[in-house]
PDB file of all heavy atoms in Angstrom:
ATOM      1  N   THR A   1      10.335 -41.252  35.010  1.00  0.00           N
ATOM      2  CA  THR A   1       9.191 -41.066  35.898  1.00  0.00           C
ATOM      3  C   THR A   1       9.638 -40.992  37.371  1.00  0.00           C
ATOM      4  O   THR A   1       9.145 -40.177  38.134  1.00  0.00           O
ATOM      5  CB  THR A   1       8.214 -42.236  35.711  1.00  0.00           C
ATOM      6  OG1 THR A   1       7.832 -42.291  34.346  1.00  0.00           O
ATOM      7  CG2 THR A   1       6.985 -42.084  36.566  1.00  0.00           C
ATOM      8  N   TRP A   2      10.591 -41.902  37.740  1.00  0.00           N
ATOM      9  CA  TRP A   2      11.090 -41.895  39.147  1.00  0.00           C
ATOM     10  C   TRP A   2      11.832 -40.617  39.452  1.00  0.00           C
ATOM     11  O   TRP A   2      11.670 -39.997  40.542  1.00  0.00           O
ATOM     12  CB  TRP A   2      12.013 -43.074  39.338  1.00  0.00           C
ATOM     13  CG  TRP A   2      12.464 -43.228  40.751  1.00  0.00           C
ATOM     14  CD1 TRP A   2      11.857 -43.916  41.751  1.00  0.00           C
ATOM     15  CD2 TRP A   2      13.664 -42.667  41.318  1.00  0.00           C
ATOM     16  NE1 TRP A   2      12.594 -43.809  42.930  1.00  0.00           N
ATOM     17  CE2 TRP A   2      13.698 -43.023  42.672  1.00  0.00           C
ATOM     18  CE3 TRP A   2      14.674 -41.851  40.822  1.00  0.00           C
ATOM     19  CZ2 TRP A   2      14.710 -42.643  43.525  1.00  0.00           C
ATOM     20  CZ3 TRP A   2      15.664 -41.460  41.686  1.00  0.00           C
ATOM     21  CH2 TRP A   2      15.666 -41.848  43.028  1.00  0.00           C
ATOM     22  N   VAL A   3      12.657 -40.173  38.494  1.00  0.00           N
ATOM     23  CA  VAL A   3      13.391 -38.904  38.741  1.00  0.00           C
ATOM     24  C   VAL A   3      12.470 -37.730  38.869  1.00  0.00           C
ATOM     25  O   VAL A   3      12.646 -36.858  39.718  1.00  0.00           O
ATOM     26  CB  VAL A   3      14.421 -38.651  37.587  1.00  0.00           C
ATOM     27  CG1 VAL A   3      15.017 -37.242  37.687  1.00  0.00           C
ATOM     28  CG2 VAL A   3      15.489 -39.723  37.595  1.00  0.00           C
ATOM     29  N   LYS A   4      11.370 -37.695  38.036  1.00  0.00           N
ATOM     30  CA  LYS A   4      10.432 -36.595  38.142  1.00  0.00           C
ATOM     31  C   LYS A   4       9.713 -36.632  39.469  1.00  0.00           C
ATOM     32  O   LYS A   4       9.444 -35.554  40.077  1.00  0.00           O
ATOM     33  CB  LYS A   4       9.400 -36.757  37.010  1.00  0.00           C
ATOM     34  CG  LYS A   4       8.391 -35.633  36.985  1.00  0.00           C
ATOM     35  CD  LYS A   4       7.427 -35.789  35.814  1.00  0.00           C
ATOM     36  CE  LYS A   4       6.381 -34.697  35.805  1.00  0.00           C
ATOM     37  NZ  LYS A   4       5.447 -34.819  34.710  1.00  0.00           N
ATOM     38  N   ALA A   5       9.427 -37.838  39.995  1.00  0.00           N
ATOM     39  CA  ALA A   5       8.728 -37.935  41.301  1.00  0.00           C
ATOM     40  C   ALA A   5       9.672 -37.633  42.466  1.00  0.00           C
ATOM     41  O   ALA A   5       9.196 -37.221  43.531  1.00  0.00           O
ATOM     42  CB  ALA A   5       8.107 -39.334  41.453  1.00  0.00           C
ATOM     43  N   HIS A   6      10.981 -37.824  42.315  1.00  0.00           N
ATOM     44  CA  HIS A   6      11.920 -37.614  43.400  1.00  0.00           C
ATOM     45  C   HIS A   6      13.018 -36.661  42.959  1.00  0.00           C
ATOM     46  O   HIS A   6      14.229 -37.002  43.124  1.00  0.00           O
ATOM     47  CB  HIS A   6      12.515 -38.944  43.849  1.00  0.00           C
ATOM     48  CG  HIS A   6      11.473 -39.955  44.250  1.00  0.00           C
ATOM     49  ND1 HIS A   6      10.890 -40.825  43.340  1.00  0.00           N
ATOM     50  CD2 HIS A   6      10.926 -40.305  45.495  1.00  0.00           C
ATOM     51  CE1 HIS A   6      10.033 -41.620  43.960  1.00  0.00           C
ATOM     52  NE2 HIS A   6      10.051 -41.298  45.254  1.00  0.00           N
ATOM     53  N   THR A   7      12.682 -35.588  42.360  1.00  0.00           N
ATOM     54  CA  THR A   7      13.695 -34.630  41.806  1.00  0.00           C
ATOM     55  C   THR A   7      14.642 -34.109  42.877  1.00  0.00           C
ATOM     56  O   THR A   7      15.851 -34.126  42.687  1.00  0.00           O
ATOM     57  CB  THR A   7      12.985 -33.422  41.182  1.00  0.00           C
ATOM     58  OG1 THR A   7      12.078 -33.951  40.156  1.00  0.00           O
ATOM     59  CG2 THR A   7      13.968 -32.492  40.519  1.00  0.00           C
ATOM     60  N   LEU A   8      14.138 -33.662  44.032  1.00  0.00           N
ATOM     61  CA  LEU A   8      15.001 -33.135  45.072  1.00  0.00           C
ATOM     62  C   LEU A   8      15.925 -34.191  45.641  1.00  0.00           C
ATOM     63  O   LEU A   8      17.129 -33.899  45.840  1.00  0.00           O
ATOM     64  CB  LEU A   8      14.107 -32.550  46.206  1.00  0.00           C
ATOM     65  CG  LEU A   8      14.889 -31.910  47.372  1.00  0.00           C
ATOM     66  CD1 LEU A   8      15.700 -30.733  46.855  1.00  0.00           C
ATOM     67  CD2 LEU A   8      13.914 -31.452  48.451  1.00  0.00           C
ATOM     68  N   PHE A   9      15.424 -35.395  45.812  1.00  0.00           N
ATOM     69  CA  PHE A   9      16.271 -36.486  46.315  1.00  0.00           C
ATOM     70  C   PHE A   9      17.371 -36.818  45.360  1.00  0.00           C
ATOM     71  O   PHE A   9      18.521 -37.012  45.750  1.00  0.00           O
ATOM     72  CB  PHE A   9      15.388 -37.716  46.603  1.00  0.00           C
ATOM     73  CG  PHE A   9      16.199 -38.880  47.067  1.00  0.00           C
ATOM     74  CD1 PHE A   9      16.675 -39.029  48.367  1.00  0.00           C
ATOM     75  CD2 PHE A   9      16.499 -39.930  46.169  1.00  0.00           C
ATOM     76  CE1 PHE A   9      17.413 -40.113  48.790  1.00  0.00           C
ATOM     77  CE2 PHE A   9      17.253 -41.033  46.566  1.00  0.00           C
ATOM     78  CZ  PHE A   9      17.679 -41.113  47.869  1.00  0.00           C
ATOM     79  N   ALA A  10      17.033 -36.944  44.078  1.00  0.00           N
ATOM     80  CA  ALA A  10      18.030 -37.262  43.038  1.00  0.00           C
ATOM     81  C   ALA A  10      19.121 -36.195  42.945  1.00  0.00           C
ATOM     82  O   ALA A  10      20.344 -36.486  42.870  1.00  0.00           O
ATOM     83  CB  ALA A  10      17.381 -37.436  41.685  1.00  0.00           C
ATOM     84  N   PHE A  11      18.736 -34.912  43.050  1.00  0.00           N
ATOM     85  CA  PHE A  11      19.708 -33.832  42.951  1.00  0.00           C
ATOM     86  C   PHE A  11      20.619 -33.871  44.166  1.00  0.00           C
ATOM     87  O   PHE A  11      21.851 -33.715  44.102  1.00  0.00           O
ATOM     88  CB  PHE A  11      18.949 -32.463  42.875  1.00  0.00           C
ATOM     89  CG  PHE A  11      19.899 -31.307  42.670  1.00  0.00           C
ATOM     90  CD1 PHE A  11      20.364 -31.015  41.399  1.00  0.00           C
ATOM     91  CD2 PHE A  11      20.251 -30.540  43.766  1.00  0.00           C
ATOM     92  CE1 PHE A  11      21.225 -29.917  41.244  1.00  0.00           C
ATOM     93  CE2 PHE A  11      21.119 -29.452  43.600  1.00  0.00           C
ATOM     94  CZ  PHE A  11      21.597 -29.142  42.317  1.00  0.00           C
ATOM     95  N   THR A  12      19.978 -34.096  45.362  1.00  0.00           N
ATOM     96  CA  THR A  12      20.800 -34.141  46.589  1.00  0.00           C
ATOM     97  C   THR A  12      21.778 -35.314  46.576  1.00  0.00           C
ATOM     98  O   THR A  12      22.954 -35.194  46.969  1.00  0.00           O
ATOM     99  CB  THR A  12      19.889 -34.264  47.825  1.00  0.00           C
ATOM    100  OG1 THR A  12      18.953 -33.134  47.849  1.00  0.00           O
ATOM    101  CG2 THR A  12      20.709 -34.246  49.111  1.00  0.00           C
ATOM    102  N   ALA A  13      21.339 -36.485  46.109  1.00  0.00           N
ATOM    103  CA  ALA A  13      22.188 -37.652  46.036  1.00  0.00           C
ATOM    104  C   ALA A  13      23.341 -37.452  45.067  1.00  0.00           C
ATOM    105  O   ALA A  13      24.499 -37.806  45.323  1.00  0.00           O
ATOM    106  CB  ALA A  13      21.371 -38.891  45.618  1.00  0.00           C
ATOM    107  N   ALA A  14      23.069 -36.829  43.949  1.00  0.00           N
ATOM    108  CA  ALA A  14      24.104 -36.530  42.974  1.00  0.00           C
ATOM    109  C   ALA A  14      25.176 -35.579  43.580  1.00  0.00           C
ATOM    110  O   ALA A  14      26.366 -35.782  43.430  1.00  0.00           O
ATOM    111  CB  ALA A  14      23.546 -35.926  41.699  1.00  0.00           C
ATOM    112  N   CYS A  15      24.672 -34.539  44.297  1.00  0.00           N
ATOM    113  CA  CYS A  15      25.614 -33.633  44.962  1.00  0.00           C
ATOM    114  C   CYS A  15      26.432 -34.301  46.027  1.00  0.00           C
ATOM    115  O   CYS A  15      27.648 -34.037  46.163  1.00  0.00           O
ATOM    116  CB  CYS A  15      24.829 -32.443  45.575  1.00  0.00           C
ATOM    117  SG  CYS A  15      24.113 -31.330  44.357  1.00  0.00           S
ATOM    118  N   LEU A  16      25.801 -35.203  46.794  1.00  0.00           N
ATOM    119  CA  LEU A  16      26.490 -35.905  47.849  1.00  0.00           C
ATOM    120  C   LEU A  16      27.577 -36.851  47.298  1.00  0.00           C
ATOM    121  O   LEU A  16      28.724 -36.832  47.780  1.00  0.00           O
ATOM    122  CB  LEU A  16      25.504 -36.713  48.674  1.00  0.00           C
ATOM    123  CG  LEU A  16      26.150 -37.515  49.870  1.00  0.00           C
ATOM    124  CD1 LEU A  16      26.776 -36.536  50.845  1.00  0.00           C
ATOM    125  CD2 LEU A  16      25.027 -38.320  50.572  1.00  0.00           C
ATOM    126  N   VAL A  17      27.240 -37.585  46.267  1.00  0.00           N
ATOM    127  CA  VAL A  17      28.228 -38.474  45.641  1.00  0.00           C
ATOM    128  C   VAL A  17      29.413 -37.679  45.064  1.00  0.00           C
ATOM    129  O   VAL A  17      30.583 -38.023  45.234  1.00  0.00           O
ATOM    130  CB  VAL A  17      27.571 -39.316  44.527  1.00  0.00           C
ATOM    131  CG1 VAL A  17      28.625 -40.071  43.739  1.00  0.00           C
ATOM    132  CG2 VAL A  17      26.548 -40.310  45.129  1.00  0.00           C
ATOM    133  N   ALA A  18      29.086 -36.575  44.392  1.00  0.00           N
ATOM    134  CA  ALA A  18      30.150 -35.748  43.818  1.00  0.00           C
ATOM    135  C   ALA A  18      31.055 -35.153  44.932  1.00  0.00           C
ATOM    136  O   ALA A  18      32.293 -35.092  44.790  1.00  0.00           O
ATOM    137  CB  ALA A  18      29.554 -34.630  42.964  1.00  0.00           C
ATOM    138  N   SER A  19      30.442 -34.739  46.065  1.00  0.00           N
ATOM    139  CA  SER A  19      31.216 -34.182  47.179  1.00  0.00           C
ATOM    140  C   SER A  19      32.194 -35.230  47.738  1.00  0.00           C
ATOM    141  O   SER A  19      33.330 -34.922  48.072  1.00  0.00           O
ATOM    142  CB  SER A  19      30.268 -33.667  48.263  1.00  0.00           C
ATOM    143  OG  SER A  19      29.478 -32.633  47.785  1.00  0.00           O
ATOM    144  N   ILE A  20      31.635 -36.504  47.901  1.00  0.00           N
ATOM    145  CA  ILE A  20      32.466 -37.551  48.417  1.00  0.00           C
ATOM    146  C   ILE A  20      33.634 -37.842  47.475  1.00  0.00           C
ATOM    147  O   ILE A  20      34.828 -37.990  47.918  1.00  0.00           O
ATOM    148  CB  ILE A  20      31.645 -38.814  48.673  1.00  0.00           C
ATOM    149  CG1 ILE A  20      30.656 -38.570  49.798  1.00  0.00           C
ATOM    150  CG2 ILE A  20      32.568 -39.995  49.026  1.00  0.00           C
ATOM    151  CD1 ILE A  20      29.669 -39.723  50.015  1.00  0.00           C
ATOM    152  N   VAL A  21      33.328 -37.915  46.181  1.00  0.00           N
ATOM    153  CA  VAL A  21      34.401 -38.158  45.191  1.00  0.00           C
ATOM    154  C   VAL A  21      35.476 -37.060  45.217  1.00  0.00           C
ATOM    155  O   VAL A  21      36.680 -37.318  45.233  1.00  0.00           O
ATOM    156  CB  VAL A  21      33.835 -38.273  43.805  1.00  0.00           C
ATOM    157  CG1 VAL A  21      34.936 -38.364  42.741  1.00  0.00           C
ATOM    158  CG2 VAL A  21      32.946 -39.535  43.676  1.00  0.00           C
ATOM    159  N   LEU A  22      35.010 -35.780  45.233  1.00  0.00           N
ATOM    160  CA  LEU A  22      35.950 -34.679  45.262  1.00  0.00           C
ATOM    161  C   LEU A  22      36.777 -34.672  46.536  1.00  0.00           C
ATOM    162  O   LEU A  22      37.995 -34.416  46.560  1.00  0.00           O
ATOM    163  CB  LEU A  22      35.233 -33.362  45.078  1.00  0.00           C
ATOM    164  CG  LEU A  22      34.614 -33.090  43.683  1.00  0.00           C
ATOM    165  CD1 LEU A  22      33.786 -31.796  43.743  1.00  0.00           C
ATOM    166  CD2 LEU A  22      35.756 -32.936  42.672  1.00  0.00           C
ATOM    167  N   ALA A  23      36.090 -34.920  47.681  1.00  0.00           N
ATOM    168  CA  ALA A  23      36.807 -34.936  48.952  1.00  0.00           C
ATOM    169  C   ALA A  23      37.858 -36.009  49.007  1.00  0.00           C
ATOM    170  O   ALA A  23      39.012 -35.775  49.485  1.00  0.00           O
ATOM    171  CB  ALA A  23      35.799 -35.109  50.102  1.00  0.00           C
ATOM    172  N   CYS A  24      37.530 -37.193  48.536  1.00  0.00           N
ATOM    173  CA  CYS A  24      38.502 -38.293  48.514  1.00  0.00           C
ATOM    174  C   CYS A  24      39.677 -37.962  47.607  1.00  0.00           C
ATOM    175  O   CYS A  24      40.860 -38.228  47.960  1.00  0.00           O
ATOM    176  CB  CYS A  24      37.844 -39.593  48.026  1.00  0.00           C
ATOM    177  SG  CYS A  24      36.673 -40.303  49.212  1.00  0.00           S
ATOM    178  N   TYR A  25      39.389 -37.333  46.470  1.00  0.00           N
ATOM    179  CA  TYR A  25      40.458 -36.966  45.566  1.00  0.00           C
ATOM    180  C   TYR A  25      41.420 -35.929  46.167  1.00  0.00           C
ATOM    181  O   TYR A  25      42.639 -36.130  46.130  1.00  0.00           O
ATOM    182  CB  TYR A  25      39.860 -36.433  44.234  1.00  0.00           C
ATOM    183  CG  TYR A  25      40.887 -35.898  43.325  1.00  0.00           C
ATOM    184  CD1 TYR A  25      41.729 -36.754  42.569  1.00  0.00           C
ATOM    185  CD2 TYR A  25      41.074 -34.557  43.136  1.00  0.00           C
ATOM    186  CE1 TYR A  25      42.673 -36.240  41.699  1.00  0.00           C
ATOM    187  CE2 TYR A  25      42.027 -34.016  42.278  1.00  0.00           C
ATOM    188  CZ  TYR A  25      42.848 -34.888  41.591  1.00  0.00           C
ATOM    189  OH  TYR A  25      43.779 -34.344  40.726  1.00  0.00           O
ATOM    190  N   PHE A  26      40.834 -34.904  46.745  1.00  0.00           N
ATOM    191  CA  PHE A  26      41.679 -33.837  47.299  1.00  0.00           C
ATOM    192  C   PHE A  26      42.372 -34.219  48.622  1.00  0.00           C
ATOM    193  O   PHE A  26      43.408 -33.675  48.967  1.00  0.00           O
ATOM    194  CB  PHE A  26      40.854 -32.542  47.488  1.00  0.00           C
ATOM    195  CG  PHE A  26      40.686 -31.787  46.217  1.00  0.00           C
ATOM    196  CD1 PHE A  26      39.465 -31.932  45.491  1.00  0.00           C
ATOM    197  CD2 PHE A  26      41.661 -30.976  45.714  1.00  0.00           C
ATOM    198  CE1 PHE A  26      39.341 -31.209  44.280  1.00  0.00           C
ATOM    199  CE2 PHE A  26      41.504 -30.277  44.524  1.00  0.00           C
ATOM    200  CZ  PHE A  26      40.344 -30.406  43.813  1.00  0.00           C
ATOM    201  N   LEU A  27      41.712 -35.169  49.354  1.00  0.00           N
ATOM    202  CA  LEU A  27      42.385 -35.680  50.571  1.00  0.00           C
ATOM    203  C   LEU A  27      43.525 -36.623  50.237  1.00  0.00           C
ATOM    204  O   LEU A  27      44.536 -36.662  50.939  1.00  0.00           O
ATOM    205  CB  LEU A  27      41.343 -36.398  51.455  1.00  0.00           C
ATOM    206  CG  LEU A  27      40.400 -35.514  52.247  1.00  0.00           C
ATOM    207  CD1 LEU A  27      39.392 -36.397  53.015  1.00  0.00           C
ATOM    208  CD2 LEU A  27      41.160 -34.638  53.267  1.00  0.00           C
ATOM    209  N   SER A  28      43.398 -37.281  49.149  1.00  0.00           N
ATOM    210  CA  SER A  28      44.491 -38.215  48.746  1.00  0.00           C
ATOM    211  C   SER A  28      45.695 -37.491  48.205  1.00  0.00           C
ATOM    212  O   SER A  28      46.836 -38.015  48.318  1.00  0.00           O
ATOM    213  CB  SER A  28      43.971 -39.219  47.706  1.00  0.00           C
ATOM    214  OG  SER A  28      43.620 -38.556  46.488  1.00  0.00           O
ATOM    215  N   ARG A  29      45.531 -36.301  47.666  1.00  0.00           N
ATOM    216  CA  ARG A  29      46.637 -35.554  47.092  1.00  0.00           C
ATOM    217  C   ARG A  29      47.710 -35.252  48.138  1.00  0.00           C
ATOM    218  O   ARG A  29      48.897 -35.485  47.917  1.00  0.00           O
ATOM    219  CB  ARG A  29      46.177 -34.309  46.394  1.00  0.00           C
ATOM    220  CG  ARG A  29      45.461 -34.608  45.069  1.00  0.00           C
ATOM    221  CD  ARG A  29      45.008 -33.318  44.416  1.00  0.00           C
ATOM    222  NE  ARG A  29      46.172 -32.466  44.069  1.00  0.00           N
ATOM    223  CZ  ARG A  29      46.041 -31.236  43.559  1.00  0.00           C
ATOM    224  NH1 ARG A  29      44.784 -30.741  43.343  1.00  0.00           N
ATOM    225  NH2 ARG A  29      47.106 -30.524  43.283  1.00  0.00           N
ATOM    226  N   PRO A  30      47.331 -34.658  49.344  1.00  0.00           N
ATOM    227  CA  PRO A  30      48.403 -34.403  50.338  1.00  0.00           C
ATOM    228  C   PRO A  30      49.102 -35.666  50.804  1.00  0.00           C
ATOM    229  O   PRO A  30      50.318 -35.635  51.091  1.00  0.00           O
ATOM    230  CB  PRO A  30      47.625 -33.748  51.476  1.00  0.00           C
ATOM    231  CG  PRO A  30      46.367 -33.177  50.889  1.00  0.00           C
ATOM    232  CD  PRO A  30      46.066 -34.107  49.773  1.00  0.00           C
ATOM    233  N   PHE A  31      48.358 -36.749  50.880  1.00  0.00           N
ATOM    234  CA  PHE A  31      48.974 -38.031  51.326  1.00  0.00           C
ATOM    235  C   PHE A  31      49.962 -38.532  50.245  1.00  0.00           C
ATOM    236  O   PHE A  31      50.992 -39.114  50.603  1.00  0.00           O
ATOM    237  CB  PHE A  31      47.913 -39.071  51.626  1.00  0.00           C
ATOM    238  CG  PHE A  31      47.182 -38.806  52.882  1.00  0.00           C
ATOM    239  CD1 PHE A  31      45.865 -38.354  52.896  1.00  0.00           C
ATOM    240  CD2 PHE A  31      47.813 -38.967  54.124  1.00  0.00           C
ATOM    241  CE1 PHE A  31      45.168 -38.125  54.052  1.00  0.00           C
ATOM    242  CE2 PHE A  31      47.150 -38.760  55.321  1.00  0.00           C
ATOM    243  CZ  PHE A  31      45.834 -38.302  55.302  1.00  0.00           C
ATOM    244  N   ARG A  32      49.629 -38.328  49.012  1.00  0.00           N
ATOM    245  CA  ARG A  32      50.573 -38.686  47.919  1.00  0.00           C
ATOM    246  C   ARG A  32      51.810 -37.864  47.993  1.00  0.00           C
ATOM    247  O   ARG A  32      52.940 -38.345  47.872  1.00  0.00           O
ATOM    248  CB  ARG A  32      49.892 -38.536  46.538  1.00  0.00           C
ATOM    249  CG  ARG A  32      48.852 -39.562  46.266  1.00  0.00           C
ATOM    250  CD  ARG A  32      48.572 -39.706  44.726  1.00  0.00           C
ATOM    251  NE  ARG A  32      48.207 -38.423  44.183  1.00  0.00           N
ATOM    252  CZ  ARG A  32      46.931 -37.961  44.028  1.00  0.00           C
ATOM    253  NH1 ARG A  32      45.923 -38.739  44.485  1.00  0.00           N
ATOM    254  NH2 ARG A  32      46.674 -36.825  43.470  1.00  0.00           N
ATOM    255  N   TYR A  33      51.637 -36.560  48.257  1.00  0.00           N
ATOM    256  CA  TYR A  33      52.797 -35.661  48.398  1.00  0.00           C
ATOM    257  C   TYR A  33      53.626 -36.087  49.630  1.00  0.00           C
ATOM    258  O   TYR A  33      54.861 -36.118  49.611  1.00  0.00           O
ATOM    259  CB  TYR A  33      52.357 -34.215  48.558  1.00  0.00           C
ATOM    260  CG  TYR A  33      51.606 -33.667  47.352  1.00  0.00           C
ATOM    261  CD1 TYR A  33      50.706 -32.619  47.526  1.00  0.00           C
ATOM    262  CD2 TYR A  33      51.778 -34.177  46.119  1.00  0.00           C
ATOM    263  CE1 TYR A  33      49.989 -32.114  46.431  1.00  0.00           C
ATOM    264  CE2 TYR A  33      51.107 -33.691  45.020  1.00  0.00           C
ATOM    265  CZ  TYR A  33      50.197 -32.643  45.181  1.00  0.00           C
ATOM    266  OH  TYR A  33      49.514 -32.133  44.092  1.00  0.00           O
ATOM    267  N   LEU A  34      52.899 -36.447  50.743  1.00  0.00           N
ATOM    268  CA  LEU A  34      53.589 -36.839  51.945  1.00  0.00           C
ATOM    269  C   LEU A  34      54.382 -38.113  51.748  1.00  0.00           C
ATOM    270  O   LEU A  34      55.508 -38.248  52.198  1.00  0.00           O
ATOM    271  CB  LEU A  34      52.578 -37.002  53.097  1.00  0.00           C
ATOM    272  CG  LEU A  34      53.154 -37.426  54.453  1.00  0.00           C
ATOM    273  CD1 LEU A  34      54.116 -36.351  54.942  1.00  0.00           C
ATOM    274  CD2 LEU A  34      52.046 -37.635  55.465  1.00  0.00           C
ATOM    275  N   ASP A  35      53.799 -39.077  51.036  1.00  0.00           N
ATOM    276  CA  ASP A  35      54.481 -40.342  50.738  1.00  0.00           C
ATOM    277  C   ASP A  35      55.747 -40.041  49.911  1.00  0.00           C
ATOM    278  O   ASP A  35      56.798 -40.665  50.145  1.00  0.00           O
ATOM    279  CB  ASP A  35      53.562 -41.285  49.994  1.00  0.00           C
ATOM    280  CG  ASP A  35      52.470 -41.864  50.874  1.00  0.00           C
ATOM    281  OD1 ASP A  35      52.672 -41.854  52.122  1.00  0.00           O
ATOM    282  OD2 ASP A  35      51.431 -42.293  50.320  1.00  0.00           O
ATOM    283  N   ALA A  36      55.620 -39.093  48.941  1.00  0.00           N
ATOM    284  CA  ALA A  36      56.788 -38.790  48.110  1.00  0.00           C
ATOM    285  C   ALA A  36      57.889 -38.116  48.972  1.00  0.00           C
ATOM    286  O   ALA A  36      59.075 -38.408  48.787  1.00  0.00           O
ATOM    287  CB  ALA A  36      56.365 -37.848  46.975  1.00  0.00           C
ATOM    288  N   VAL A  37      57.479 -37.254  49.918  1.00  0.00           N
ATOM    289  CA  VAL A  37      58.451 -36.565  50.738  1.00  0.00           C
ATOM    290  C   VAL A  37      59.120 -37.581  51.694  1.00  0.00           C
ATOM    291  O   VAL A  37      60.345 -37.525  51.875  1.00  0.00           O
ATOM    292  CB  VAL A  37      57.786 -35.420  51.532  1.00  0.00           C
ATOM    293  CG1 VAL A  37      58.734 -34.857  52.564  1.00  0.00           C
ATOM    294  CG2 VAL A  37      57.289 -34.312  50.588  1.00  0.00           C
ATOM    295  N   ILE A  38      58.325 -38.478  52.267  1.00  0.00           N
ATOM    296  CA  ILE A  38      58.871 -39.478  53.187  1.00  0.00           C
ATOM    297  C   ILE A  38      59.864 -40.386  52.415  1.00  0.00           C
ATOM    298  O   ILE A  38      60.956 -40.712  52.924  1.00  0.00           O
ATOM    299  CB  ILE A  38      57.749 -40.329  53.829  1.00  0.00           C
ATOM    300  CG1 ILE A  38      56.924 -39.439  54.773  1.00  0.00           C
ATOM    301  CG2 ILE A  38      58.316 -41.504  54.585  1.00  0.00           C
ATOM    302  CD1 ILE A  38      55.702 -40.127  55.343  1.00  0.00           C
ATOM    303  N   HIS A  39      59.456 -40.780  51.226  1.00  0.00           N
ATOM    304  CA  HIS A  39      60.342 -41.635  50.425  1.00  0.00           C
ATOM    305  C   HIS A  39      61.624 -40.913  50.088  1.00  0.00           C
ATOM    306  O   HIS A  39      62.708 -41.516  50.118  1.00  0.00           O
ATOM    307  CB  HIS A  39      59.609 -42.063  49.178  1.00  0.00           C
ATOM    308  CG  HIS A  39      60.373 -43.000  48.275  1.00  0.00           C
ATOM    309  ND1 HIS A  39      60.697 -44.299  48.645  1.00  0.00           N
ATOM    310  CD2 HIS A  39      60.955 -42.813  47.064  1.00  0.00           C
ATOM    311  CE1 HIS A  39      61.410 -44.882  47.721  1.00  0.00           C
ATOM    312  NE2 HIS A  39      61.563 -43.987  46.721  1.00  0.00           N
ATOM    313  N   ALA A  40      61.485 -39.628  49.803  1.00  0.00           N
ATOM    314  CA  ALA A  40      62.715 -38.844  49.491  1.00  0.00           C
ATOM    315  C   ALA A  40      63.564 -38.637  50.720  1.00  0.00           C
ATOM    316  O   ALA A  40      64.811 -38.672  50.636  1.00  0.00           O
ATOM    317  CB  ALA A  40      62.348 -37.500  48.892  1.00  0.00           C
ATOM    318  N   ALA A  41      62.923 -38.451  51.890  1.00  0.00           N
ATOM    319  CA  ALA A  41      63.649 -38.268  53.113  1.00  0.00           C
ATOM    320  C   ALA A  41      64.458 -39.507  53.521  1.00  0.00           C
ATOM    321  O   ALA A  41      65.478 -39.406  54.189  1.00  0.00           O
ATOM    322  CB  ALA A  41      62.713 -37.850  54.279  1.00  0.00           C
TER     323      ALA A  41
END
């Protein structure tokens, strides 16, 4: 019932959470590579 009453808000919140999760994941990858390169250097 709540989702039906706030469909646009629920969809936007789901998209925002997913964007944050994806952004954190892809931002952490270069730092992991950088840490590996620094450790190797």
